[in-house]
Amino acid sequence: MSKKQQKFQNVVYSTNPNFNYQSEPDDDIETLPNQQQRLYVSMDRKQRAGKEVTLVEGFVGNEEDLKDLGKLLKSKCGVGGSVKDNEILVQGNFKQKIFEILLKEGYTQTKQKG
């Protein structure tokens, strides 16, 4: 199904020439500039079978920019991870390294939790 067709709701076909389609609202959130982002870097082991992951929370913006930041952090650390529930998960204990990378990228309001 194309993106154009996905936006229309509850209409299969209409013969009314004056009919206006109801479309889904665009949920595109504007991404804040790097200097205005308030990110929190922390370690987590809960519900992960004792394995450590580094969490980056607090990103305000669209999903694409969050995925790009997650990809950057994972590649700089040389490990795997994922982007879920508006959080970046990086496998392993890279709290200090990720904190320094974010500062170099211009995320000046970054803080370490825990």
PDB file of N, CA and C in Angstrom:
ATOM      1  N   MET A   1       0.846  -1.167   0.000  1.00  0.00           N
ATOM      2  CA  MET A   1       0.000   0.000   0.000  1.00  0.00           C
ATOM      3  C   MET A   1       0.892   1.231   0.000  1.00  0.00           C
ATOM      4  N   SER A   2       0.595   2.208  -0.840  1.00  0.00           N
ATOM      5  CA  SER A   2       1.424   3.403  -0.906  1.00  0.00           C
ATOM      6  C   SER A   2       1.123   4.327   0.267  1.00  0.00           C
ATOM      7  N   LYS A   3       2.046   5.257   0.510  1.00  0.00           N
ATOM      8  CA  LYS A   3       1.860   6.181   1.627  1.00  0.00           C
ATOM      9  C   LYS A   3       0.624   7.053   1.432  1.00  0.00           C
ATOM     10  N   LYS A   4       0.347   7.404   0.194  1.00  0.00           N
ATOM     11  CA  LYS A   4      -0.815   8.237  -0.089  1.00  0.00           C
ATOM     12  C   LYS A   4      -2.103   7.533   0.336  1.00  0.00           C
ATOM     13  N   GLN A   5      -2.197   6.238   0.077  1.00  0.00           N
ATOM     14  CA  GLN A   5      -3.381   5.481   0.425  1.00  0.00           C
ATOM     15  C   GLN A   5      -3.463   5.219   1.920  1.00  0.00           C
ATOM     16  N   GLN A   6      -2.357   5.131   2.607  1.00  0.00           N
ATOM     17  CA  GLN A   6      -2.368   4.834   4.027  1.00  0.00           C
ATOM     18  C   GLN A   6      -2.909   5.988   4.858  1.00  0.00           C
ATOM     19  N   LYS A   7      -2.824   7.206   4.355  1.00  0.00           N
ATOM     20  CA  LYS A   7      -3.254   8.361   5.138  1.00  0.00           C
ATOM     21  C   LYS A   7      -4.772   8.500   5.214  1.00  0.00           C
ATOM     22  N   PHE A   8      -5.492   7.918   4.269  1.00  0.00           N
ATOM     23  CA  PHE A   8      -6.938   8.035   4.278  1.00  0.00           C
ATOM     24  C   PHE A   8      -7.556   7.000   5.201  1.00  0.00           C
ATOM     25  N   GLN A   9      -8.545   7.438   5.965  1.00  0.00           N
ATOM     26  CA  GLN A   9      -9.172   6.550   6.931  1.00  0.00           C
ATOM     27  C   GLN A   9     -10.625   6.289   6.564  1.00  0.00           C
ATOM     28  N   ASN A  10     -11.070   5.054   6.798  1.00  0.00           N
ATOM     29  CA  ASN A  10     -12.477   4.652   6.760  1.00  0.00           C
ATOM     30  C   ASN A  10     -13.182   4.908   5.433  1.00  0.00           C
ATOM     31  N   VAL A  11     -12.468   4.955   4.305  1.00  0.00           N
ATOM     32  CA  VAL A  11     -13.112   5.148   3.015  1.00  0.00           C
ATOM     33  C   VAL A  11     -12.537   4.146   2.039  1.00  0.00           C
ATOM     34  N   VAL A  12     -13.418   3.391   1.413  1.00  0.00           N
ATOM     35  CA  VAL A  12     -12.985   2.477   0.377  1.00  0.00           C
ATOM     36  C   VAL A  12     -13.202   3.139  -0.983  1.00  0.00           C
ATOM     37  N   TYR A  13     -14.395   3.722  -1.186  1.00  0.00           N
ATOM     38  CA  TYR A  13     -14.711   4.355  -2.455  1.00  0.00           C
ATOM     39  C   TYR A  13     -15.866   5.310  -2.224  1.00  0.00           C
ATOM     40  N   SER A  14     -15.847   6.449  -2.904  1.00  0.00           N
ATOM     41  CA  SER A  14     -16.931   7.407  -2.793  1.00  0.00           C
ATOM     42  C   SER A  14     -17.287   7.929  -4.175  1.00  0.00           C
ATOM     43  N   THR A  15     -18.585   8.000  -4.467  1.00  0.00           N
ATOM     44  CA  THR A  15     -19.036   8.539  -5.745  1.00  0.00           C
ATOM     45  C   THR A  15     -19.360  10.020  -5.655  1.00  0.00           C
ATOM     46  N   ASN A  16     -19.322  10.582  -4.476  1.00  0.00           N
ATOM     47  CA  ASN A  16     -19.598  12.001  -4.275  1.00  0.00           C
ATOM     48  C   ASN A  16     -18.400  12.827  -4.754  1.00  0.00           C
ATOM     49  N   PRO A  17     -18.576  13.694  -5.769  1.00  0.00           N
ATOM     50  CA  PRO A  17     -17.426  14.464  -6.270  1.00  0.00           C
ATOM     51  C   PRO A  17     -16.936  15.522  -5.274  1.00  0.00           C
ATOM     52  N   ASN A  18     -17.768  15.904  -4.312  1.00  0.00           N
ATOM     53  CA  ASN A  18     -17.376  16.916  -3.331  1.00  0.00           C
ATOM     54  C   ASN A  18     -16.886  16.308  -2.019  1.00  0.00           C
ATOM     55  N   PHE A  19     -16.682  15.003  -2.015  1.00  0.00           N
ATOM     56  CA  PHE A  19     -16.277  14.325  -0.788  1.00  0.00           C
ATOM     57  C   PHE A  19     -14.831  14.674  -0.442  1.00  0.00           C
ATOM     58  N   ASN A  20     -14.596  15.027   0.826  1.00  0.00           N
ATOM     59  CA  ASN A  20     -13.238  15.301   1.308  1.00  0.00           C
ATOM     60  C   ASN A  20     -12.794  14.141   2.181  1.00  0.00           C
ATOM     61  N   TYR A  21     -11.674  13.573   1.847  1.00  0.00           N
ATOM     62  CA  TYR A  21     -11.147  12.460   2.616  1.00  0.00           C
ATOM     63  C   TYR A  21     -10.638  12.944   3.969  1.00  0.00           C
ATOM     64  N   GLN A  22     -10.900  12.142   4.989  1.00  0.00           N
ATOM     65  CA  GLN A  22     -10.312  12.412   6.288  1.00  0.00           C
ATOM     66  C   GLN A  22      -8.950  11.751   6.304  1.00  0.00           C
ATOM     67  N   SER A  23      -7.956  12.494   6.695  1.00  0.00           N
ATOM     68  CA  SER A  23      -6.625  11.904   6.718  1.00  0.00           C
ATOM     69  C   SER A  23      -6.091  11.906   8.140  1.00  0.00           C
ATOM     70  N   GLU A  24      -5.114  11.024   8.354  1.00  0.00           N
ATOM     71  CA  GLU A  24      -4.492  10.932   9.676  1.00  0.00           C
ATOM     72  C   GLU A  24      -3.647  12.161   9.928  1.00  0.00           C
ATOM     73  N   PRO A  25      -3.623  12.625  11.154  1.00  0.00           N
ATOM     74  CA  PRO A  25      -2.752  13.767  11.445  1.00  0.00           C
ATOM     75  C   PRO A  25      -1.288  13.343  11.361  1.00  0.00           C
ATOM     76  N   ASP A  26      -0.465  14.242  10.871  1.00  0.00           N
ATOM     77  CA  ASP A  26       0.965  13.959  10.792  1.00  0.00           C
ATOM     78  C   ASP A  26       1.566  14.108  12.174  1.00  0.00           C
ATOM     79  N   ASP A  27       2.205  13.032  12.640  1.00  0.00           N
ATOM     80  CA  ASP A  27       2.815  13.036  13.962  1.00  0.00           C
ATOM     81  C   ASP A  27       4.311  13.330  13.881  1.00  0.00           C
ATOM     82  N   ASP A  28       4.719  14.095  12.884  1.00  0.00           N
ATOM     83  CA  ASP A  28       6.123  14.441  12.737  1.00  0.00           C
ATOM     84  C   ASP A  28       6.502  15.494  13.769  1.00  0.00           C
ATOM     85  N   ILE A  29       7.279  15.080  14.733  1.00  0.00           N
ATOM     86  CA  ILE A  29       7.735  15.983  15.769  1.00  0.00           C
ATOM     87  C   ILE A  29       9.005  16.647  15.270  1.00  0.00           C
ATOM     88  N   GLU A  30       9.078  17.939  15.424  1.00  0.00           N
ATOM     89  CA  GLU A  30      10.270  18.679  15.022  1.00  0.00           C
ATOM     90  C   GLU A  30      11.417  18.343  15.963  1.00  0.00           C
ATOM     91  N   THR A  31      12.552  17.981  15.401  1.00  0.00           N
ATOM     92  CA  THR A  31      13.715  17.628  16.199  1.00  0.00           C
ATOM     93  C   THR A  31      14.393  18.896  16.696  1.00  0.00           C
ATOM     94  N   LEU A  32      14.641  18.939  17.998  1.00  0.00           N
ATOM     95  CA  LEU A  32      15.335  20.085  18.573  1.00  0.00           C
ATOM     96  C   LEU A  32      16.795  20.084  18.128  1.00  0.00           C
ATOM     97  N   PRO A  33      17.422  21.266  18.052  1.00  0.00           N
ATOM     98  CA  PRO A  33      18.858  21.304  17.746  1.00  0.00           C
ATOM     99  C   PRO A  33      19.657  20.590  18.832  1.00  0.00           C
ATOM    100  N   ASN A  34      20.866  20.165  18.478  1.00  0.00           N
ATOM    101  CA  ASN A  34      21.700  19.400  19.407  1.00  0.00           C
ATOM    102  C   ASN A  34      21.939  20.145  20.716  1.00  0.00           C
ATOM    103  N   GLN A  35      22.122  21.459  20.664  1.00  0.00           N
ATOM    104  CA  GLN A  35      22.418  22.226  21.868  1.00  0.00           C
ATOM    105  C   GLN A  35      21.236  22.270  22.835  1.00  0.00           C
ATOM    106  N   GLN A  36      20.020  22.102  22.328  1.00  0.00           N
ATOM    107  CA  GLN A  36      18.830  22.181  23.176  1.00  0.00           C
ATOM    108  C   GLN A  36      18.359  20.821  23.684  1.00  0.00           C
ATOM    109  N   GLN A  37      18.944  19.751  23.194  1.00  0.00           N
ATOM    110  CA  GLN A  37      18.565  18.413  23.637  1.00  0.00           C
ATOM    111  C   GLN A  37      19.093  18.163  25.045  1.00  0.00           C
ATOM    112  N   ARG A  38      18.256  17.642  25.908  1.00  0.00           N
ATOM    113  CA  ARG A  38      18.673  17.265  27.262  1.00  0.00           C
ATOM    114  C   ARG A  38      18.661  15.741  27.335  1.00  0.00           C
ATOM    115  N   LEU A  39      19.839  15.150  27.141  1.00  0.00           N
ATOM    116  CA  LEU A  39      19.962  13.697  27.111  1.00  0.00           C
ATOM    117  C   LEU A  39      20.541  13.194  28.420  1.00  0.00           C
ATOM    118  N   TYR A  40      20.117  11.995  28.819  1.00  0.00           N
ATOM    119  CA  TYR A  40      20.596  11.352  30.040  1.00  0.00           C
ATOM    120  C   TYR A  40      21.228  10.016  29.668  1.00  0.00           C
ATOM    121  N   VAL A  41      22.459   9.814  30.114  1.00  0.00           N
ATOM    122  CA  VAL A  41      23.185   8.584  29.844  1.00  0.00           C
ATOM    123  C   VAL A  41      23.262   7.796  31.150  1.00  0.00           C
ATOM    124  N   SER A  42      22.851   6.528  31.126  1.00  0.00           N
ATOM    125  CA  SER A  42      22.864   5.711  32.343  1.00  0.00           C
ATOM    126  C   SER A  42      23.134   4.252  31.995  1.00  0.00           C
ATOM    127  N   MET A  43      23.414   3.474  33.025  1.00  0.00           N
ATOM    128  CA  MET A  43      23.627   2.029  32.891  1.00  0.00           C
ATOM    129  C   MET A  43      22.377   1.311  33.377  1.00  0.00           C
ATOM    130  N   ASP A  44      22.113   0.145  32.798  1.00  0.00           N
ATOM    131  CA  ASP A  44      20.944  -0.624  33.208  1.00  0.00           C
ATOM    132  C   ASP A  44      21.250  -2.108  33.092  1.00  0.00           C
ATOM    133  N   ARG A  45      20.726  -2.892  34.046  1.00  0.00           N
ATOM    134  CA  ARG A  45      20.830  -4.357  34.028  1.00  0.00           C
ATOM    135  C   ARG A  45      19.468  -5.013  34.224  1.00  0.00           C
ATOM    136  N   LYS A  46      18.472  -4.259  34.576  1.00  0.00           N
ATOM    137  CA  LYS A  46      17.172  -4.825  34.912  1.00  0.00           C
ATOM    138  C   LYS A  46      16.549  -5.527  33.705  1.00  0.00           C
ATOM    139  N   GLN A  47      16.042  -6.699  33.937  1.00  0.00           N
ATOM    140  CA  GLN A  47      15.334  -7.514  32.950  1.00  0.00           C
ATOM    141  C   GLN A  47      16.188  -7.776  31.715  1.00  0.00           C
ATOM    142  N   ARG A  48      17.500  -7.885  31.907  1.00  0.00           N
ATOM    143  CA  ARG A  48      18.398  -8.141  30.786  1.00  0.00           C
ATOM    144  C   ARG A  48      19.341  -9.301  31.099  1.00  0.00           C
ATOM    145  N   ALA A  49      18.936 -10.188  31.961  1.00  0.00           N
ATOM    146  CA  ALA A  49      19.704 -11.379  32.344  1.00  0.00           C
ATOM    147  C   ALA A  49      21.084 -11.014  32.869  1.00  0.00           C
ATOM    148  N   GLY A  50      21.189  -9.893  33.578  1.00  0.00           N
ATOM    149  CA  GLY A  50      22.445  -9.484  34.183  1.00  0.00           C
ATOM    150  C   GLY A  50      23.413  -8.800  33.244  1.00  0.00           C
ATOM    151  N   LYS A  51      23.065  -8.662  31.980  1.00  0.00           N
ATOM    152  CA  LYS A  51      23.953  -8.014  31.020  1.00  0.00           C
ATOM    153  C   LYS A  51      23.788  -6.505  31.093  1.00  0.00           C
ATOM    154  N   GLU A  52      24.901  -5.804  30.971  1.00  0.00           N
ATOM    155  CA  GLU A  52      24.879  -4.349  31.066  1.00  0.00           C
ATOM    156  C   GLU A  52      24.546  -3.732  29.714  1.00  0.00           C
ATOM    157  N   VAL A  53      23.736  -2.701  29.749  1.00  0.00           N
ATOM    158  CA  VAL A  53      23.480  -1.879  28.570  1.00  0.00           C
ATOM    159  C   VAL A  53      23.587  -0.416  28.986  1.00  0.00           C
ATOM    160  N   THR A  54      23.991   0.412  28.053  1.00  0.00           N
ATOM    161  CA  THR A  54      24.040   1.846  28.274  1.00  0.00           C
ATOM    162  C   THR A  54      22.798   2.446  27.639  1.00  0.00           C
ATOM    163  N   LEU A  55      22.042   3.220  28.419  1.00  0.00           N
ATOM    164  CA  LEU A  55      20.811   3.841  27.950  1.00  0.00           C
ATOM    165  C   LEU A  55      21.036   5.316  27.686  1.00  0.00           C
ATOM    166  N   VAL A  56      20.480   5.808  26.590  1.00  0.00           N
ATOM    167  CA  VAL A  56      20.446   7.240  26.307  1.00  0.00           C
ATOM    168  C   VAL A  56      18.974   7.607  26.211  1.00  0.00           C
ATOM    169  N   GLU A  57      18.518   8.470  27.115  1.00  0.00           N
ATOM    170  CA  GLU A  57      17.107   8.840  27.199  1.00  0.00           C
ATOM    171  C   GLU A  57      16.955  10.342  27.043  1.00  0.00           C
ATOM    172  N   GLY A  58      15.734  10.774  26.728  1.00  0.00           N
ATOM    173  CA  GLY A  58      15.400  12.184  26.715  1.00  0.00           C
ATOM    174  C   GLY A  58      15.453  12.844  25.354  1.00  0.00           C
ATOM    175  N   PHE A  59      15.608  12.095  24.275  1.00  0.00           N
ATOM    176  CA  PHE A  59      15.698  12.682  22.942  1.00  0.00           C
ATOM    177  C   PHE A  59      14.334  13.217  22.531  1.00  0.00           C
ATOM    178  N   VAL A  60      14.302  14.449  22.017  1.00  0.00           N
ATOM    179  CA  VAL A  60      13.065  15.054  21.534  1.00  0.00           C
ATOM    180  C   VAL A  60      13.207  15.251  20.038  1.00  0.00           C
ATOM    181  N   GLY A  61      12.393  14.514  19.284  1.00  0.00           N
ATOM    182  CA  GLY A  61      12.461  14.637  17.838  1.00  0.00           C
ATOM    183  C   GLY A  61      11.822  13.455  17.147  1.00  0.00           C
ATOM    184  N   ASN A  62      11.993  13.406  15.836  1.00  0.00           N
ATOM    185  CA  ASN A  62      11.363  12.321  15.085  1.00  0.00           C
ATOM    186  C   ASN A  62      12.195  11.049  15.159  1.00  0.00           C
ATOM    187  N   GLU A  63      11.584   9.961  14.766  1.00  0.00           N
ATOM    188  CA  GLU A  63      12.181   8.628  14.904  1.00  0.00           C
ATOM    189  C   GLU A  63      13.429   8.462  14.047  1.00  0.00           C
ATOM    190  N   GLU A  64      13.448   9.071  12.861  1.00  0.00           N
ATOM    191  CA  GLU A  64      14.599   8.946  11.962  1.00  0.00           C
ATOM    192  C   GLU A  64      15.862   9.542  12.586  1.00  0.00           C
ATOM    193  N   ASP A  65      15.740  10.715  13.177  1.00  0.00           N
ATOM    194  CA  ASP A  65      16.905  11.353  13.799  1.00  0.00           C
ATOM    195  C   ASP A  65      17.395  10.555  15.002  1.00  0.00           C
ATOM    196  N   LEU A  66      16.466   9.971  15.746  1.00  0.00           N
ATOM    197  CA  LEU A  66      16.841   9.134  16.881  1.00  0.00           C
ATOM    198  C   LEU A  66      17.599   7.895  16.403  1.00  0.00           C
ATOM    199  N   LYS A  67      17.132   7.275  15.325  1.00  0.00           N
ATOM    200  CA  LYS A  67      17.809   6.102  14.779  1.00  0.00           C
ATOM    201  C   LYS A  67      19.196   6.466  14.259  1.00  0.00           C
ATOM    202  N   ASP A  68      19.322   7.650  13.647  1.00  0.00           N
ATOM    203  CA  ASP A  68      20.633   8.086  13.158  1.00  0.00           C
ATOM    204  C   ASP A  68      21.609   8.281  14.307  1.00  0.00           C
ATOM    205  N   LEU A  69      21.141   8.873  15.406  1.00  0.00           N
ATOM    206  CA  LEU A  69      22.000   9.061  16.577  1.00  0.00           C
ATOM    207  C   LEU A  69      22.380   7.710  17.174  1.00  0.00           C
ATOM    208  N   GLY A  70      21.434   6.790  17.246  1.00  0.00           N
ATOM    209  CA  GLY A  70      21.725   5.449  17.752  1.00  0.00           C
ATOM    210  C   GLY A  70      22.752   4.732  16.891  1.00  0.00           C
ATOM    211  N   LYS A  71      22.636   4.870  15.590  1.00  0.00           N
ATOM    212  CA  LYS A  71      23.589   4.247  14.676  1.00  0.00           C
ATOM    213  C   LYS A  71      24.980   4.837  14.864  1.00  0.00           C
ATOM    214  N   LEU A  72      25.059   6.145  15.058  1.00  0.00           N
ATOM    215  CA  LEU A  72      26.344   6.801  15.292  1.00  0.00           C
ATOM    216  C   LEU A  72      27.002   6.285  16.568  1.00  0.00           C
ATOM    217  N   LEU A  73      26.225   6.222  17.645  1.00  0.00           N
ATOM    218  CA  LEU A  73      26.776   5.776  18.925  1.00  0.00           C
ATOM    219  C   LEU A  73      27.223   4.323  18.868  1.00  0.00           C
ATOM    220  N   LYS A  74      26.434   3.470  18.241  1.00  0.00           N
ATOM    221  CA  LYS A  74      26.792   2.053  18.147  1.00  0.00           C
ATOM    222  C   LYS A  74      28.050   1.857  17.307  1.00  0.00           C
ATOM    223  N   SER A  75      28.173   2.611  16.225  1.00  0.00           N
ATOM    224  CA  SER A  75      29.352   2.448  15.370  1.00  0.00           C
ATOM    225  C   SER A  75      30.607   2.995  16.045  1.00  0.00           C
ATOM    226  N   LYS A  76      30.493   4.091  16.797  1.00  0.00           N
ATOM    227  CA  LYS A  76      31.651   4.645  17.506  1.00  0.00           C
ATOM    228  C   LYS A  76      32.122   3.710  18.619  1.00  0.00           C
ATOM    229  N   CYS A  77      31.196   2.998  19.235  1.00  0.00           N
ATOM    230  CA  CYS A  77      31.558   2.066  20.304  1.00  0.00           C
ATOM    231  C   CYS A  77      31.908   0.683  19.762  1.00  0.00           C
ATOM    232  N   GLY A  78      31.534   0.395  18.525  1.00  0.00           N
ATOM    233  CA  GLY A  78      31.851  -0.887  17.920  1.00  0.00           C
ATOM    234  C   GLY A  78      31.041  -2.039  18.473  1.00  0.00           C
ATOM    235  N   VAL A  79      29.814  -1.752  18.902  1.00  0.00           N
ATOM    236  CA  VAL A  79      28.950  -2.795  19.479  1.00  0.00           C
ATOM    237  C   VAL A  79      27.558  -2.698  18.871  1.00  0.00           C
ATOM    238  N   GLY A  80      26.695  -3.612  19.257  1.00  0.00           N
ATOM    239  CA  GLY A  80      25.319  -3.609  18.804  1.00  0.00           C
ATOM    240  C   GLY A  80      24.430  -2.846  19.761  1.00  0.00           C
ATOM    241  N   GLY A  81      23.176  -2.800  19.417  1.00  0.00           N
ATOM    242  CA  GLY A  81      22.200  -2.120  20.257  1.00  0.00           C
ATOM    243  C   GLY A  81      20.912  -1.955  19.497  1.00  0.00           C
ATOM    244  N   SER A  82      20.027  -1.121  20.037  1.00  0.00           N
ATOM    245  CA  SER A  82      18.745  -0.895  19.374  1.00  0.00           C
ATOM    246  C   SER A  82      18.175   0.445  19.806  1.00  0.00           C
ATOM    247  N   VAL A  83      17.127   0.840  19.107  1.00  0.00           N
ATOM    248  CA  VAL A  83      16.373   2.048  19.443  1.00  0.00           C
ATOM    249  C   VAL A  83      14.951   1.603  19.690  1.00  0.00           C
ATOM    250  N   LYS A  84      14.502   1.718  20.958  1.00  0.00           N
ATOM    251  CA  LYS A  84      13.154   1.299  21.340  1.00  0.00           C
ATOM    252  C   LYS A  84      12.567   2.309  22.310  1.00  0.00           C
ATOM    253  N   ASP A  85      11.286   2.524  22.227  1.00  0.00           N
ATOM    254  CA  ASP A  85      10.546   3.340  23.186  1.00  0.00           C
ATOM    255  C   ASP A  85      11.230   4.673  23.451  1.00  0.00           C
ATOM    256  N   ASN A  86      11.700   5.322  22.390  1.00  0.00           N
ATOM    257  CA  ASN A  86      12.348   6.634  22.490  1.00  0.00           C
ATOM    258  C   ASN A  86      13.624   6.590  23.335  1.00  0.00           C
ATOM    259  N   GLU A  87      14.285   5.439  23.363  1.00  0.00           N
ATOM    260  CA  GLU A  87      15.554   5.260  24.071  1.00  0.00           C
ATOM    261  C   GLU A  87      16.544   4.590  23.127  1.00  0.00           C
ATOM    262  N   ILE A  88      17.810   4.887  23.341  1.00  0.00           N
ATOM    263  CA  ILE A  88      18.876   4.212  22.609  1.00  0.00           C
ATOM    264  C   ILE A  88      19.538   3.233  23.566  1.00  0.00           C
ATOM    265  N   LEU A  89      19.583   1.961  23.201  1.00  0.00           N
ATOM    266  CA  LEU A  89      20.238   0.926  23.997  1.00  0.00           C
ATOM    267  C   LEU A  89      21.525   0.530  23.295  1.00  0.00           C
ATOM    268  N   VAL A  90      22.647   0.645  24.002  1.00  0.00           N
ATOM    269  CA  VAL A  90      23.941   0.238  23.460  1.00  0.00           C
ATOM    270  C   VAL A  90      24.460  -0.877  24.348  1.00  0.00           C
ATOM    271  N   GLN A  91      24.807  -2.010  23.764  1.00  0.00           N
ATOM    272  CA  GLN A  91      25.255  -3.163  24.539  1.00  0.00           C
ATOM    273  C   GLN A  91      26.603  -2.884  25.180  1.00  0.00           C
ATOM    274  N   GLY A  92      26.677  -3.135  26.480  1.00  0.00           N
ATOM    275  CA  GLY A  92      27.941  -2.987  27.199  1.00  0.00           C
ATOM    276  C   GLY A  92      27.995  -1.726  28.044  1.00  0.00           C
ATOM    277  N   ASN A  93      29.095  -1.611  28.781  1.00  0.00           N
ATOM    278  CA  ASN A  93      29.300  -0.480  29.682  1.00  0.00           C
ATOM    279  C   ASN A  93      30.119   0.583  28.955  1.00  0.00           C
ATOM    280  N   PHE A  94      29.432   1.504  28.276  1.00  0.00           N
ATOM    281  CA  PHE A  94      30.077   2.572  27.523  1.00  0.00           C
ATOM    282  C   PHE A  94      29.563   3.935  27.968  1.00  0.00           C
ATOM    283  N   LYS A  95      29.216   4.050  29.240  1.00  0.00           N
ATOM    284  CA  LYS A  95      28.607   5.273  29.756  1.00  0.00           C
ATOM    285  C   LYS A  95      29.509   6.486  29.531  1.00  0.00           C
ATOM    286  N   GLN A  96      30.760   6.399  29.920  1.00  0.00           N
ATOM    287  CA  GLN A  96      31.672   7.537  29.803  1.00  0.00           C
ATOM    288  C   GLN A  96      31.986   7.845  28.335  1.00  0.00           C
ATOM    289  N   LYS A  97      32.201   6.827  27.543  1.00  0.00           N
ATOM    290  CA  LYS A  97      32.536   7.028  26.133  1.00  0.00           C
ATOM    291  C   LYS A  97      31.376   7.678  25.376  1.00  0.00           C
ATOM    292  N   ILE A  98      30.148   7.220  25.627  1.00  0.00           N
ATOM    293  CA  ILE A  98      28.978   7.794  24.966  1.00  0.00           C
ATOM    294  C   ILE A  98      28.770   9.229  25.419  1.00  0.00           C
ATOM    295  N   PHE A  99      29.004   9.496  26.694  1.00  0.00           N
ATOM    296  CA  PHE A  99      28.887  10.850  27.219  1.00  0.00           C
ATOM    297  C   PHE A  99      29.844  11.784  26.464  1.00  0.00           C
ATOM    298  N   GLU A 100      31.076  11.352  26.263  1.00  0.00           N
ATOM    299  CA  GLU A 100      32.066  12.169  25.557  1.00  0.00           C
ATOM    300  C   GLU A 100      31.712  12.335  24.083  1.00  0.00           C
ATOM    301  N   ILE A 101      31.197  11.295  23.452  1.00  0.00           N
ATOM    302  CA  ILE A 101      30.789  11.375  22.044  1.00  0.00           C
ATOM    303  C   ILE A 101      29.658  12.383  21.881  1.00  0.00           C
ATOM    304  N   LEU A 102      28.676  12.330  22.782  1.00  0.00           N
ATOM    305  CA  LEU A 102      27.545  13.260  22.704  1.00  0.00           C
ATOM    306  C   LEU A 102      28.004  14.701  22.887  1.00  0.00           C
ATOM    307  N   LEU A 103      28.951  14.925  23.787  1.00  0.00           N
ATOM    308  CA  LEU A 103      29.480  16.277  23.968  1.00  0.00           C
ATOM    309  C   LEU A 103      30.193  16.759  22.704  1.00  0.00           C
ATOM    310  N   LYS A 104      30.964  15.893  22.060  1.00  0.00           N
ATOM    311  CA  LYS A 104      31.654  16.262  20.824  1.00  0.00           C
ATOM    312  C   LYS A 104      30.675  16.553  19.694  1.00  0.00           C
ATOM    313  N   GLU A 105      29.530  15.869  19.688  1.00  0.00           N
ATOM    314  CA  GLU A 105      28.523  16.068  18.649  1.00  0.00           C
ATOM    315  C   GLU A 105      27.671  17.312  18.893  1.00  0.00           C
ATOM    316  N   GLY A 106      27.880  17.994  20.012  1.00  0.00           N
ATOM    317  CA  GLY A 106      27.166  19.240  20.271  1.00  0.00           C
ATOM    318  C   GLY A 106      26.001  19.121  21.223  1.00  0.00           C
ATOM    319  N   TYR A 107      25.812  17.969  21.853  1.00  0.00           N
ATOM    320  CA  TYR A 107      24.747  17.789  22.842  1.00  0.00           C
ATOM    321  C   TYR A 107      25.284  18.280  24.183  1.00  0.00           C
ATOM    322  N   THR A 108      25.249  19.600  24.386  1.00  0.00           N
ATOM    323  CA  THR A 108      25.917  20.215  25.536  1.00  0.00           C
ATOM    324  C   THR A 108      25.168  20.004  26.849  1.00  0.00           C
ATOM    325  N   GLN A 109      23.888  19.692  26.813  1.00  0.00           N
ATOM    326  CA  GLN A 109      23.117  19.520  28.040  1.00  0.00           C
ATOM    327  C   GLN A 109      23.030  18.052  28.452  1.00  0.00           C
ATOM    328  N   THR A 110      23.956  17.245  28.018  1.00  0.00           N
ATOM    329  CA  THR A 110      23.968  15.823  28.357  1.00  0.00           C
ATOM    330  C   THR A 110      24.397  15.629  29.802  1.00  0.00           C
ATOM    331  N   LYS A 111      23.708  14.723  30.500  1.00  0.00           N
ATOM    332  CA  LYS A 111      24.026  14.428  31.910  1.00  0.00           C
ATOM    333  C   LYS A 111      24.141  12.931  32.114  1.00  0.00           C
ATOM    334  N   GLN A 112      24.932  12.553  33.107  1.00  0.00           N
ATOM    335  CA  GLN A 112      25.069  11.148  33.467  1.00  0.00           C
ATOM    336  C   GLN A 112      24.189  10.859  34.666  1.00  0.00           C
ATOM    337  N   LYS A 113      23.415   9.785  34.578  1.00  0.00           N
ATOM    338  CA  LYS A 113      22.585   9.355  35.709  1.00  0.00           C
ATOM    339  C   LYS A 113      23.244   8.147  36.355  1.00  0.00           C
ATOM    340  N   GLY A 114      23.124   8.096  37.674  1.00  0.00           N
ATOM    341  CA  GLY A 114      23.569   6.917  38.417  1.00  0.00           C
ATOM    342  C   GLY A 114      24.982   6.733  38.479  1.00  0.00           C
TER     343      GLY A 114
END
